[in-house]
Amino acid sequence: MSSQTTTSVSERALLLLEAIAKAEEPPTLNELMAAIRLPKATTHRFVALLERLGFVRRTLDGRRYEAGHRLLSLSLDGMRHSFDLAPRRVILSSLVKEIGETCNLTTLDGDHLIYLDRVESAWPLQYRLNIGSHVPLHCTASGKLFLSLSPAALRKAIFRTQPFQRYTERTLTSTKLLEAELTRIRQTGIGTDNEEFMEGMAASAVPVHDSRGRICATIAVHGPITRLPLSRALALVPALKRAAKALEQTLLPDTSASAASPSSSAAAGSSPATTRGSVRAPK
């Protein structure tokens, strides 16, 4: 196999992964064909390979394709690395210094949240969750915020497959009550936890958006209600939003490289924007 052929195969496989990852809803084989402009048999062969390797999987109805466990793991590792390269620690440390309470950065990892980073305050009384810890979605400020801003189909899938474990007397374990709470959070853009995950702890969270305006992480503050009742956690939201905006600026794509090399798209054979735009999310 020639070097040119190898590059072409690799490029098409990566374009397929990009099309699946960027689609608002899992695309069909025909939509993937349009995205990378290949015959049906060839597209199917590529998708089958990616499915066998665990980078792609079929949806429950078997007609659409979504990110597989290996692609999700790769995406998460890339997210962690991206935040490591950004001045994340400086932004979080400045926020904690400003408000005097512990703050954390989380993102979605399957049907749970994972702590990407955390900076603790100087208070001796703390609720400690280490970096890498996983916490549930339905009873945490960041988790409910992610759920509220997720597509309805994803929420319904999580509701069907994930039991709502009761952690405290305040944990919402009813789909009806949780949906009402998520509607409220979607309207305010602020996630809250009023002793729903841990007794005696309150929290508030705001979204961090990627360059396409979608939630990719959250910044949250939490602490014991003796020091940080929910009312105070909500009063700190403006500071959280400023920190989130600062983090978002670090995630913006660097356009200087593409501006310096205007022929790069032509060398690749097609415009990435045109390729991505070929996939349409089903209505």
C-alpha atoms as a PDB file:
ATOM      1  CA  MET A   1       0.000   0.000   0.000  1.00  0.00           C
ATOM      2  CA  SER A   2       1.469   3.342  -1.042  1.00  0.00           C
ATOM      3  CA  SER A   3       2.012   6.244   1.318  1.00  0.00           C
ATOM      4  CA  GLN A   4      -0.578   8.291  -0.584  1.00  0.00           C
ATOM      5  CA  THR A   5      -3.189   5.523  -0.264  1.00  0.00           C
ATOM      6  CA  THR A   6      -2.463   5.109   3.436  1.00  0.00           C
ATOM      7  CA  THR A   7      -2.893   8.840   3.982  1.00  0.00           C
ATOM      8  CA  SER A   8      -6.176   8.798   2.073  1.00  0.00           C
ATOM      9  CA  VAL A   9      -7.559   5.917   4.118  1.00  0.00           C
ATOM     10  CA  SER A  10      -6.506   7.509   7.384  1.00  0.00           C
ATOM     11  CA  GLU A  11      -7.960  10.855   6.370  1.00  0.00           C
ATOM     12  CA  ARG A  12     -11.322   9.334   5.446  1.00  0.00           C
ATOM     13  CA  ALA A  13     -11.519   7.396   8.713  1.00  0.00           C
ATOM     14  CA  LEU A  14     -10.784  10.572  10.659  1.00  0.00           C
ATOM     15  CA  LEU A  15     -13.363  12.523   8.647  1.00  0.00           C
ATOM     16  CA  LEU A  16     -15.922   9.862   9.500  1.00  0.00           C
ATOM     17  CA  LEU A  17     -15.124  10.132  13.196  1.00  0.00           C
ATOM     18  CA  GLU A  18     -15.367  13.913  12.964  1.00  0.00           C
ATOM     19  CA  ALA A  19     -18.744  13.719  11.221  1.00  0.00           C
ATOM     20  CA  ILE A  20     -20.125  11.378  13.884  1.00  0.00           C
ATOM     21  CA  ALA A  21     -18.716  13.430  16.763  1.00  0.00           C
ATOM     22  CA  LYS A  22     -19.988  16.757  15.415  1.00  0.00           C
ATOM     23  CA  ALA A  23     -23.499  15.656  14.451  1.00  0.00           C
ATOM     24  CA  GLU A  24     -26.238  17.006  16.706  1.00  0.00           C
ATOM     25  CA  GLU A  25     -27.875  13.578  16.563  1.00  0.00           C
ATOM     26  CA  PRO A  26     -26.372  10.233  15.468  1.00  0.00           C
ATOM     27  CA  PRO A  27     -26.146  10.221  11.650  1.00  0.00           C
ATOM     28  CA  THR A  28     -27.327   7.471   9.312  1.00  0.00           C
ATOM     29  CA  LEU A  29     -25.065   5.736   6.804  1.00  0.00           C
ATOM     30  CA  ASN A  30     -26.487   7.935   4.016  1.00  0.00           C
ATOM     31  CA  GLU A  31     -25.656  11.080   5.976  1.00  0.00           C
ATOM     32  CA  LEU A  32     -22.118   9.825   6.505  1.00  0.00           C
ATOM     33  CA  MET A  33     -21.834   9.081   2.787  1.00  0.00           C
ATOM     34  CA  ALA A  34     -22.738  12.708   2.065  1.00  0.00           C
ATOM     35  CA  ALA A  35     -20.276  13.932   4.673  1.00  0.00           C
ATOM     36  CA  ILE A  36     -17.191  12.266   3.211  1.00  0.00           C
ATOM     37  CA  ARG A  37     -18.447  11.866  -0.377  1.00  0.00           C
ATOM     38  CA  LEU A  38     -17.769   8.171  -0.764  1.00  0.00           C
ATOM     39  CA  PRO A  39     -19.830   5.316  -2.226  1.00  0.00           C
ATOM     40  CA  LYS A  40     -22.131   3.465   0.150  1.00  0.00           C
ATOM     41  CA  ALA A  41     -20.085   0.256   0.145  1.00  0.00           C
ATOM     42  CA  THR A  42     -16.862   2.106   0.942  1.00  0.00           C
ATOM     43  CA  THR A  43     -18.487   4.178   3.686  1.00  0.00           C
ATOM     44  CA  HIS A  44     -20.001   1.039   5.204  1.00  0.00           C
ATOM     45  CA  ARG A  45     -16.607  -0.674   5.167  1.00  0.00           C
ATOM     46  CA  PHE A  46     -14.998   2.242   7.010  1.00  0.00           C
ATOM     47  CA  VAL A  47     -17.807   2.426   9.570  1.00  0.00           C
ATOM     48  CA  ALA A  48     -17.665  -1.329  10.139  1.00  0.00           C
ATOM     49  CA  LEU A  49     -13.931  -1.083  10.816  1.00  0.00           C
ATOM     50  CA  LEU A  50     -14.405   1.773  13.282  1.00  0.00           C
ATOM     51  CA  GLU A  51     -17.245  -0.136  14.928  1.00  0.00           C
ATOM     52  CA  ARG A  52     -15.075  -3.237  15.293  1.00  0.00           C
ATOM     53  CA  LEU A  53     -12.314  -1.147  16.888  1.00  0.00           C
ATOM     54  CA  GLY A  54     -14.739   0.419  19.374  1.00  0.00           C
ATOM     55  CA  PHE A  55     -14.531   3.979  18.032  1.00  0.00           C
ATOM     56  CA  VAL A  56     -18.104   3.859  16.704  1.00  0.00           C
ATOM     57  CA  ARG A  57     -21.238   2.012  17.802  1.00  0.00           C
ATOM     58  CA  ARG A  58     -24.761   1.703  16.501  1.00  0.00           C
ATOM     59  CA  THR A  59     -27.709   3.279  18.250  1.00  0.00           C
ATOM     60  CA  LEU A  60     -30.352   1.029  19.744  1.00  0.00           C
ATOM     61  CA  ASP A  61     -32.420   1.025  16.544  1.00  0.00           C
ATOM     62  CA  GLY A  62     -29.352  -0.137  14.570  1.00  0.00           C
ATOM     63  CA  ARG A  63     -29.785   2.527  11.864  1.00  0.00           C
ATOM     64  CA  ARG A  64     -27.575   5.308  13.174  1.00  0.00           C
ATOM     65  CA  TYR A  65     -24.014   5.641  14.413  1.00  0.00           C
ATOM     66  CA  GLU A  66     -22.644   7.333  17.506  1.00  0.00           C
ATOM     67  CA  ALA A  67     -19.345   7.650  19.323  1.00  0.00           C
ATOM     68  CA  GLY A  68     -18.070   4.368  20.742  1.00  0.00           C
ATOM     69  CA  HIS A  69     -16.301   3.857  24.047  1.00  0.00           C
ATOM     70  CA  ARG A  70     -12.810   4.333  22.600  1.00  0.00           C
ATOM     71  CA  LEU A  71     -13.716   7.599  20.873  1.00  0.00           C
ATOM     72  CA  LEU A  72     -15.368   8.869  24.058  1.00  0.00           C
ATOM     73  CA  SER A  73     -12.269   7.941  26.055  1.00  0.00           C
ATOM     74  CA  LEU A  74     -10.045   9.643  23.481  1.00  0.00           C
ATOM     75  CA  SER A  75     -12.232  12.762  23.561  1.00  0.00           C
ATOM     76  CA  LEU A  76     -12.074  12.898  27.333  1.00  0.00           C
ATOM     77  CA  ASP A  77      -8.297  12.539  27.330  1.00  0.00           C
ATOM     78  CA  GLY A  78      -8.111  15.307  24.738  1.00  0.00           C
ATOM     79  CA  MET A  79     -10.342  17.504  26.876  1.00  0.00           C
ATOM     80  CA  ARG A  80      -8.116  16.957  29.892  1.00  0.00           C
ATOM     81  CA  HIS A  81      -5.023  17.696  27.845  1.00  0.00           C
ATOM     82  CA  SER A  82      -6.619  20.815  26.372  1.00  0.00           C
ATOM     83  CA  PHE A  83      -7.446  22.147  29.803  1.00  0.00           C
ATOM     84  CA  ASP A  84      -3.965  21.257  31.025  1.00  0.00           C
ATOM     85  CA  LEU A  85      -2.450  23.411  28.290  1.00  0.00           C
ATOM     86  CA  ALA A  86      -4.765  26.302  29.109  1.00  0.00           C
ATOM     87  CA  PRO A  87      -4.249  28.526  32.184  1.00  0.00           C
ATOM     88  CA  ARG A  88      -6.899  26.506  33.990  1.00  0.00           C
ATOM     89  CA  ARG A  89      -5.161  26.398  37.320  1.00  0.00           C
ATOM     90  CA  VAL A  90      -4.481  30.147  37.267  1.00  0.00           C
ATOM     91  CA  ILE A  91      -8.137  30.920  36.494  1.00  0.00           C
ATOM     92  CA  LEU A  92      -9.489  28.558  39.162  1.00  0.00           C
ATOM     93  CA  SER A  93      -6.948  29.739  41.744  1.00  0.00           C
ATOM     94  CA  SER A  94      -7.857  33.366  41.091  1.00  0.00           C
ATOM     95  CA  LEU A  95     -11.539  32.523  41.452  1.00  0.00           C
ATOM     96  CA  VAL A  96     -10.999  30.727  44.766  1.00  0.00           C
ATOM     97  CA  LYS A  97      -8.901  33.620  46.024  1.00  0.00           C
ATOM     98  CA  GLU A  98     -11.679  36.045  45.058  1.00  0.00           C
ATOM     99  CA  ILE A  99     -14.623  34.195  46.617  1.00  0.00           C
ATOM    100  CA  GLY A 100     -12.876  32.239  49.373  1.00  0.00           C
ATOM    101  CA  GLU A 101     -14.532  28.903  48.581  1.00  0.00           C
ATOM    102  CA  THR A 102     -13.499  25.666  46.881  1.00  0.00           C
ATOM    103  CA  CYS A 103     -14.170  25.518  43.132  1.00  0.00           C
ATOM    104  CA  ASN A 104     -13.984  22.689  40.641  1.00  0.00           C
ATOM    105  CA  LEU A 105     -14.061  22.061  36.917  1.00  0.00           C
ATOM    106  CA  THR A 106     -16.061  19.091  35.633  1.00  0.00           C
ATOM    107  CA  THR A 107     -17.066  17.540  32.352  1.00  0.00           C
ATOM    108  CA  LEU A 108     -19.298  14.720  31.186  1.00  0.00           C
ATOM    109  CA  ASP A 109     -17.860  11.194  31.185  1.00  0.00           C
ATOM    110  CA  GLY A 110     -20.534   8.776  29.992  1.00  0.00           C
ATOM    111  CA  ASP A 111     -23.464   8.924  32.392  1.00  0.00           C
ATOM    112  CA  HIS A 112     -21.454  10.563  35.190  1.00  0.00           C
ATOM    113  CA  LEU A 113     -19.421  13.684  35.790  1.00  0.00           C
ATOM    114  CA  ILE A 114     -15.665  13.643  36.196  1.00  0.00           C
ATOM    115  CA  TYR A 115     -13.598  16.201  38.096  1.00  0.00           C
ATOM    116  CA  LEU A 116     -11.042  17.675  35.685  1.00  0.00           C
ATOM    117  CA  ASP A 117      -9.586  20.062  38.247  1.00  0.00           C
ATOM    118  CA  ARG A 118     -10.190  21.430  41.702  1.00  0.00           C
ATOM    119  CA  VAL A 119      -8.729  24.229  43.820  1.00  0.00           C
ATOM    120  CA  GLU A 120      -9.496  24.234  47.518  1.00  0.00           C
ATOM    121  CA  SER A 121     -10.025  27.200  49.784  1.00  0.00           C
ATOM    122  CA  ALA A 122      -8.091  27.731  52.993  1.00  0.00           C
ATOM    123  CA  TRP A 123     -10.996  26.712  55.227  1.00  0.00           C
ATOM    124  CA  PRO A 124     -10.289  23.666  57.427  1.00  0.00           C
ATOM    125  CA  LEU A 125     -13.800  22.253  56.874  1.00  0.00           C
ATOM    126  CA  GLN A 126     -14.001  20.866  53.331  1.00  0.00           C
ATOM    127  CA  TYR A 127     -15.921  18.343  51.263  1.00  0.00           C
ATOM    128  CA  ARG A 128     -13.083  16.688  49.373  1.00  0.00           C
ATOM    129  CA  LEU A 129     -13.509  15.103  45.944  1.00  0.00           C
ATOM    130  CA  ASN A 130     -10.223  14.399  44.183  1.00  0.00           C
ATOM    131  CA  ILE A 131      -9.430  15.142  40.550  1.00  0.00           C
ATOM    132  CA  GLY A 132     -10.664  12.164  38.533  1.00  0.00           C
ATOM    133  CA  SER A 133     -13.564  11.476  40.896  1.00  0.00           C
ATOM    134  CA  HIS A 134     -16.885  10.547  39.303  1.00  0.00           C
ATOM    135  CA  VAL A 135     -20.161  11.916  40.670  1.00  0.00           C
ATOM    136  CA  PRO A 136     -23.786  11.372  39.588  1.00  0.00           C
ATOM    137  CA  LEU A 137     -25.712  13.676  37.270  1.00  0.00           C
ATOM    138  CA  HIS A 138     -29.162  13.817  38.834  1.00  0.00           C
ATOM    139  CA  CYS A 139     -28.218  15.285  42.214  1.00  0.00           C
ATOM    140  CA  THR A 140     -25.212  17.546  41.619  1.00  0.00           C
ATOM    141  CA  ALA A 141     -25.199  21.173  40.473  1.00  0.00           C
ATOM    142  CA  SER A 142     -22.928  20.490  37.494  1.00  0.00           C
ATOM    143  CA  GLY A 143     -24.648  17.226  36.632  1.00  0.00           C
ATOM    144  CA  LYS A 144     -28.105  18.767  36.520  1.00  0.00           C
ATOM    145  CA  LEU A 145     -26.731  21.656  34.477  1.00  0.00           C
ATOM    146  CA  PHE A 146     -25.330  19.215  31.903  1.00  0.00           C
ATOM    147  CA  LEU A 147     -28.619  17.307  31.836  1.00  0.00           C
ATOM    148  CA  SER A 148     -30.662  20.484  31.421  1.00  0.00           C
ATOM    149  CA  LEU A 149     -28.647  21.564  28.375  1.00  0.00           C
ATOM    150  CA  SER A 150     -28.456  18.107  26.774  1.00  0.00           C
ATOM    151  CA  PRO A 151     -30.686  17.036  23.870  1.00  0.00           C
ATOM    152  CA  ALA A 152     -34.011  15.625  25.009  1.00  0.00           C
ATOM    153  CA  ALA A 153     -33.198  12.221  23.483  1.00  0.00           C
ATOM    154  CA  LEU A 154     -30.047  11.943  25.589  1.00  0.00           C
ATOM    155  CA  ARG A 155     -31.886  12.880  28.771  1.00  0.00           C
ATOM    156  CA  LYS A 156     -34.576  10.299  28.082  1.00  0.00           C
ATOM    157  CA  ALA A 157     -31.952   7.623  27.422  1.00  0.00           C
ATOM    158  CA  ILE A 158     -30.231   8.417  30.717  1.00  0.00           C
ATOM    159  CA  PHE A 159     -33.540   8.443  32.550  1.00  0.00           C
ATOM    160  CA  ARG A 160     -34.349   4.995  31.141  1.00  0.00           C
ATOM    161  CA  THR A 161     -31.022   3.378  31.944  1.00  0.00           C
ATOM    162  CA  GLN A 162     -29.787   5.098  35.089  1.00  0.00           C
ATOM    163  CA  PRO A 163     -31.535   4.543  38.423  1.00  0.00           C
ATOM    164  CA  PHE A 164     -31.904   7.724  40.455  1.00  0.00           C
ATOM    165  CA  GLN A 165     -30.102   6.697  43.610  1.00  0.00           C
ATOM    166  CA  ARG A 166     -31.155   8.536  46.752  1.00  0.00           C
ATOM    167  CA  TYR A 167     -28.146  10.100  48.495  1.00  0.00           C
ATOM    168  CA  THR A 168     -29.983  12.350  50.960  1.00  0.00           C
ATOM    169  CA  GLU A 169     -33.547  13.209  51.918  1.00  0.00           C
ATOM    170  CA  ARG A 170     -33.447  16.018  49.318  1.00  0.00           C
ATOM    171  CA  THR A 171     -32.328  13.875  46.355  1.00  0.00           C
ATOM    172  CA  LEU A 172     -34.803  14.008  43.464  1.00  0.00           C
ATOM    173  CA  THR A 173     -35.566  10.417  42.466  1.00  0.00           C
ATOM    174  CA  SER A 174     -38.699  11.034  40.375  1.00  0.00           C
ATOM    175  CA  THR A 175     -38.434  11.688  36.636  1.00  0.00           C
ATOM    176  CA  LYS A 176     -41.277  14.195  36.840  1.00  0.00           C
ATOM    177  CA  LEU A 177     -39.652  16.199  39.648  1.00  0.00           C
ATOM    178  CA  LEU A 178     -36.248  16.052  37.989  1.00  0.00           C
ATOM    179  CA  GLU A 179     -37.629  17.226  34.635  1.00  0.00           C
ATOM    180  CA  ALA A 180     -39.258  20.209  36.377  1.00  0.00           C
ATOM    181  CA  GLU A 181     -35.943  21.005  38.076  1.00  0.00           C
ATOM    182  CA  LEU A 182     -34.063  20.742  34.772  1.00  0.00           C
ATOM    183  CA  THR A 183     -36.544  23.093  33.106  1.00  0.00           C
ATOM    184  CA  ARG A 184     -35.878  25.673  35.820  1.00  0.00           C
ATOM    185  CA  ILE A 185     -32.110  25.256  35.464  1.00  0.00           C
ATOM    186  CA  ARG A 186     -32.340  25.537  31.670  1.00  0.00           C
ATOM    187  CA  GLN A 187     -34.139  28.877  32.075  1.00  0.00           C
ATOM    188  CA  THR A 188     -31.621  30.310  34.545  1.00  0.00           C
ATOM    189  CA  GLY A 189     -28.457  28.682  33.177  1.00  0.00           C
ATOM    190  CA  ILE A 190     -27.379  27.947  36.755  1.00  0.00           C
ATOM    191  CA  GLY A 191     -27.097  24.472  38.264  1.00  0.00           C
ATOM    192  CA  THR A 192     -27.819  24.079  41.967  1.00  0.00           C
ATOM    193  CA  ASP A 193     -27.404  21.411  44.623  1.00  0.00           C
ATOM    194  CA  ASN A 194     -29.120  22.060  47.941  1.00  0.00           C
ATOM    195  CA  GLU A 195     -27.966  19.084  50.039  1.00  0.00           C
ATOM    196  CA  GLU A 196     -29.053  16.671  47.305  1.00  0.00           C
ATOM    197  CA  PHE A 197     -25.740  14.830  46.909  1.00  0.00           C
ATOM    198  CA  MET A 198     -24.251  15.253  50.378  1.00  0.00           C
ATOM    199  CA  GLU A 199     -25.996  16.293  53.548  1.00  0.00           C
ATOM    200  CA  GLY A 200     -24.816  19.693  54.718  1.00  0.00           C
ATOM    201  CA  MET A 201     -23.360  20.731  51.324  1.00  0.00           C
ATOM    202  CA  ALA A 202     -24.651  23.288  48.822  1.00  0.00           C
ATOM    203  CA  ALA A 203     -23.328  24.167  45.389  1.00  0.00           C
ATOM    204  CA  SER A 204     -23.938  26.249  42.288  1.00  0.00           C
ATOM    205  CA  ALA A 205     -22.507  25.736  38.798  1.00  0.00           C
ATOM    206  CA  VAL A 206     -22.273  27.621  35.503  1.00  0.00           C
ATOM    207  CA  PRO A 207     -21.450  26.294  32.023  1.00  0.00           C
ATOM    208  CA  VAL A 208     -18.194  26.614  30.114  1.00  0.00           C
ATOM    209  CA  HIS A 209     -18.942  26.724  26.380  1.00  0.00           C
ATOM    210  CA  ASP A 210     -16.778  25.491  23.542  1.00  0.00           C
ATOM    211  CA  SER A 211     -16.085  27.477  20.367  1.00  0.00           C
ATOM    212  CA  ARG A 212     -19.451  26.341  18.937  1.00  0.00           C
ATOM    213  CA  GLY A 213     -21.398  27.603  21.937  1.00  0.00           C
ATOM    214  CA  ARG A 214     -22.099  24.186  23.452  1.00  0.00           C
ATOM    215  CA  ILE A 215     -21.495  23.261  27.066  1.00  0.00           C
ATOM    216  CA  CYS A 216     -18.219  21.348  27.379  1.00  0.00           C
ATOM    217  CA  ALA A 217     -17.505  21.766  31.095  1.00  0.00           C
ATOM    218  CA  THR A 218     -18.767  23.478  34.226  1.00  0.00           C
ATOM    219  CA  ILE A 219     -17.275  25.619  36.946  1.00  0.00           C
ATOM    220  CA  ALA A 220     -18.857  25.054  40.342  1.00  0.00           C
ATOM    221  CA  VAL A 221     -18.471  26.256  43.900  1.00  0.00           C
ATOM    222  CA  HIS A 222     -19.458  24.109  46.846  1.00  0.00           C
ATOM    223  CA  GLY A 223     -19.087  24.060  50.586  1.00  0.00           C
ATOM    224  CA  PRO A 224     -20.779  23.308  53.904  1.00  0.00           C
ATOM    225  CA  ILE A 225     -24.115  25.078  54.358  1.00  0.00           C
ATOM    226  CA  THR A 226     -22.938  26.479  57.691  1.00  0.00           C
ATOM    227  CA  ARG A 227     -20.615  28.669  55.647  1.00  0.00           C
ATOM    228  CA  LEU A 228     -22.059  28.439  52.145  1.00  0.00           C
ATOM    229  CA  PRO A 229     -25.854  28.157  52.124  1.00  0.00           C
ATOM    230  CA  LEU A 230     -27.435  27.948  48.688  1.00  0.00           C
ATOM    231  CA  SER A 231     -28.306  31.652  48.790  1.00  0.00           C
ATOM    232  CA  ARG A 232     -24.610  32.547  49.079  1.00  0.00           C
ATOM    233  CA  ALA A 233     -23.625  29.984  46.441  1.00  0.00           C
ATOM    234  CA  LEU A 234     -26.035  31.736  44.088  1.00  0.00           C
ATOM    235  CA  ALA A 235     -24.670  35.149  45.043  1.00  0.00           C
ATOM    236  CA  LEU A 236     -21.249  33.956  43.846  1.00  0.00           C
ATOM    237  CA  VAL A 237     -22.550  33.090  40.358  1.00  0.00           C
ATOM    238  CA  PRO A 238     -21.319  36.347  38.724  1.00  0.00           C
ATOM    239  CA  ALA A 239     -17.752  35.475  39.787  1.00  0.00           C
ATOM    240  CA  LEU A 240     -18.184  31.932  38.457  1.00  0.00           C
ATOM    241  CA  LYS A 241     -19.414  33.307  35.131  1.00  0.00           C
ATOM    242  CA  ARG A 242     -16.394  35.592  34.811  1.00  0.00           C
ATOM    243  CA  ALA A 243     -14.096  32.627  35.378  1.00  0.00           C
ATOM    244  CA  ALA A 244     -16.071  30.541  32.874  1.00  0.00           C
ATOM    245  CA  LYS A 245     -15.730  33.298  30.285  1.00  0.00           C
ATOM    246  CA  ALA A 246     -11.979  33.429  30.905  1.00  0.00           C
ATOM    247  CA  LEU A 247     -11.751  29.664  30.390  1.00  0.00           C
ATOM    248  CA  GLU A 248     -13.801  29.899  27.200  1.00  0.00           C
ATOM    249  CA  GLN A 249     -11.295  32.355  25.766  1.00  0.00           C
ATOM    250  CA  THR A 250      -8.558  29.744  26.175  1.00  0.00           C
ATOM    251  CA  LEU A 251     -10.610  27.241  24.170  1.00  0.00           C
ATOM    252  CA  LEU A 252     -11.100  29.450  21.109  1.00  0.00           C
ATOM    253  CA  PRO A 253      -9.354  28.069  18.012  1.00  0.00           C
ATOM    254  CA  ASP A 254      -6.102  29.727  17.000  1.00  0.00           C
ATOM    255  CA  THR A 255      -6.803  31.138  13.535  1.00  0.00           C
ATOM    256  CA  SER A 256      -3.283  32.504  13.042  1.00  0.00           C
ATOM    257  CA  ALA A 257      -1.983  29.177  11.698  1.00  0.00           C
ATOM    258  CA  SER A 258      -4.694  28.868   9.048  1.00  0.00           C
ATOM    259  CA  ALA A 259      -4.315  32.517   8.113  1.00  0.00           C
ATOM    260  CA  ALA A 260      -0.590  31.996   7.614  1.00  0.00           C
ATOM    261  CA  SER A 261      -1.183  28.994   5.341  1.00  0.00           C
ATOM    262  CA  PRO A 262      -4.131  29.763   3.034  1.00  0.00           C
ATOM    263  CA  SER A 263      -3.422  26.787   0.779  1.00  0.00           C
ATOM    264  CA  SER A 264      -3.683  24.143   3.527  1.00  0.00           C
ATOM    265  CA  SER A 265      -7.341  23.354   2.782  1.00  0.00           C
ATOM    266  CA  ALA A 266      -6.664  23.017  -0.923  1.00  0.00           C
ATOM    267  CA  ALA A 267      -3.779  20.633  -0.211  1.00  0.00           C
ATOM    268  CA  ALA A 268      -6.115  18.412   1.793  1.00  0.00           C
ATOM    269  CA  GLY A 269      -8.417  18.099  -1.200  1.00  0.00           C
ATOM    270  CA  SER A 270     -11.581  19.683   0.221  1.00  0.00           C
ATOM    271  CA  SER A 271     -12.782  22.332   2.583  1.00  0.00           C
ATOM    272  CA  PRO A 272     -13.345  21.038   6.139  1.00  0.00           C
ATOM    273  CA  ALA A 273     -16.281  23.422   6.518  1.00  0.00           C
ATOM    274  CA  THR A 274     -17.957  21.989   3.416  1.00  0.00           C
ATOM    275  CA  THR A 275     -17.379  18.422   4.596  1.00  0.00           C
ATOM    276  CA  ARG A 276     -18.797  19.050   8.055  1.00  0.00           C
ATOM    277  CA  GLY A 277     -21.754  20.962   6.683  1.00  0.00           C
ATOM    278  CA  SER A 278     -22.883  17.953   4.669  1.00  0.00           C
ATOM    279  CA  VAL A 279     -24.205  16.157   7.743  1.00  0.00           C
ATOM    280  CA  ARG A 280     -27.604  17.298   8.890  1.00  0.00           C
ATOM    281  CA  ALA A 281     -29.098  16.333  12.222  1.00  0.00           C
ATOM    282  CA  PRO A 282     -32.436  14.579  11.737  1.00  0.00           C
ATOM    283  CA  LYS A 283     -35.482  16.597  12.699  1.00  0.00           C
END
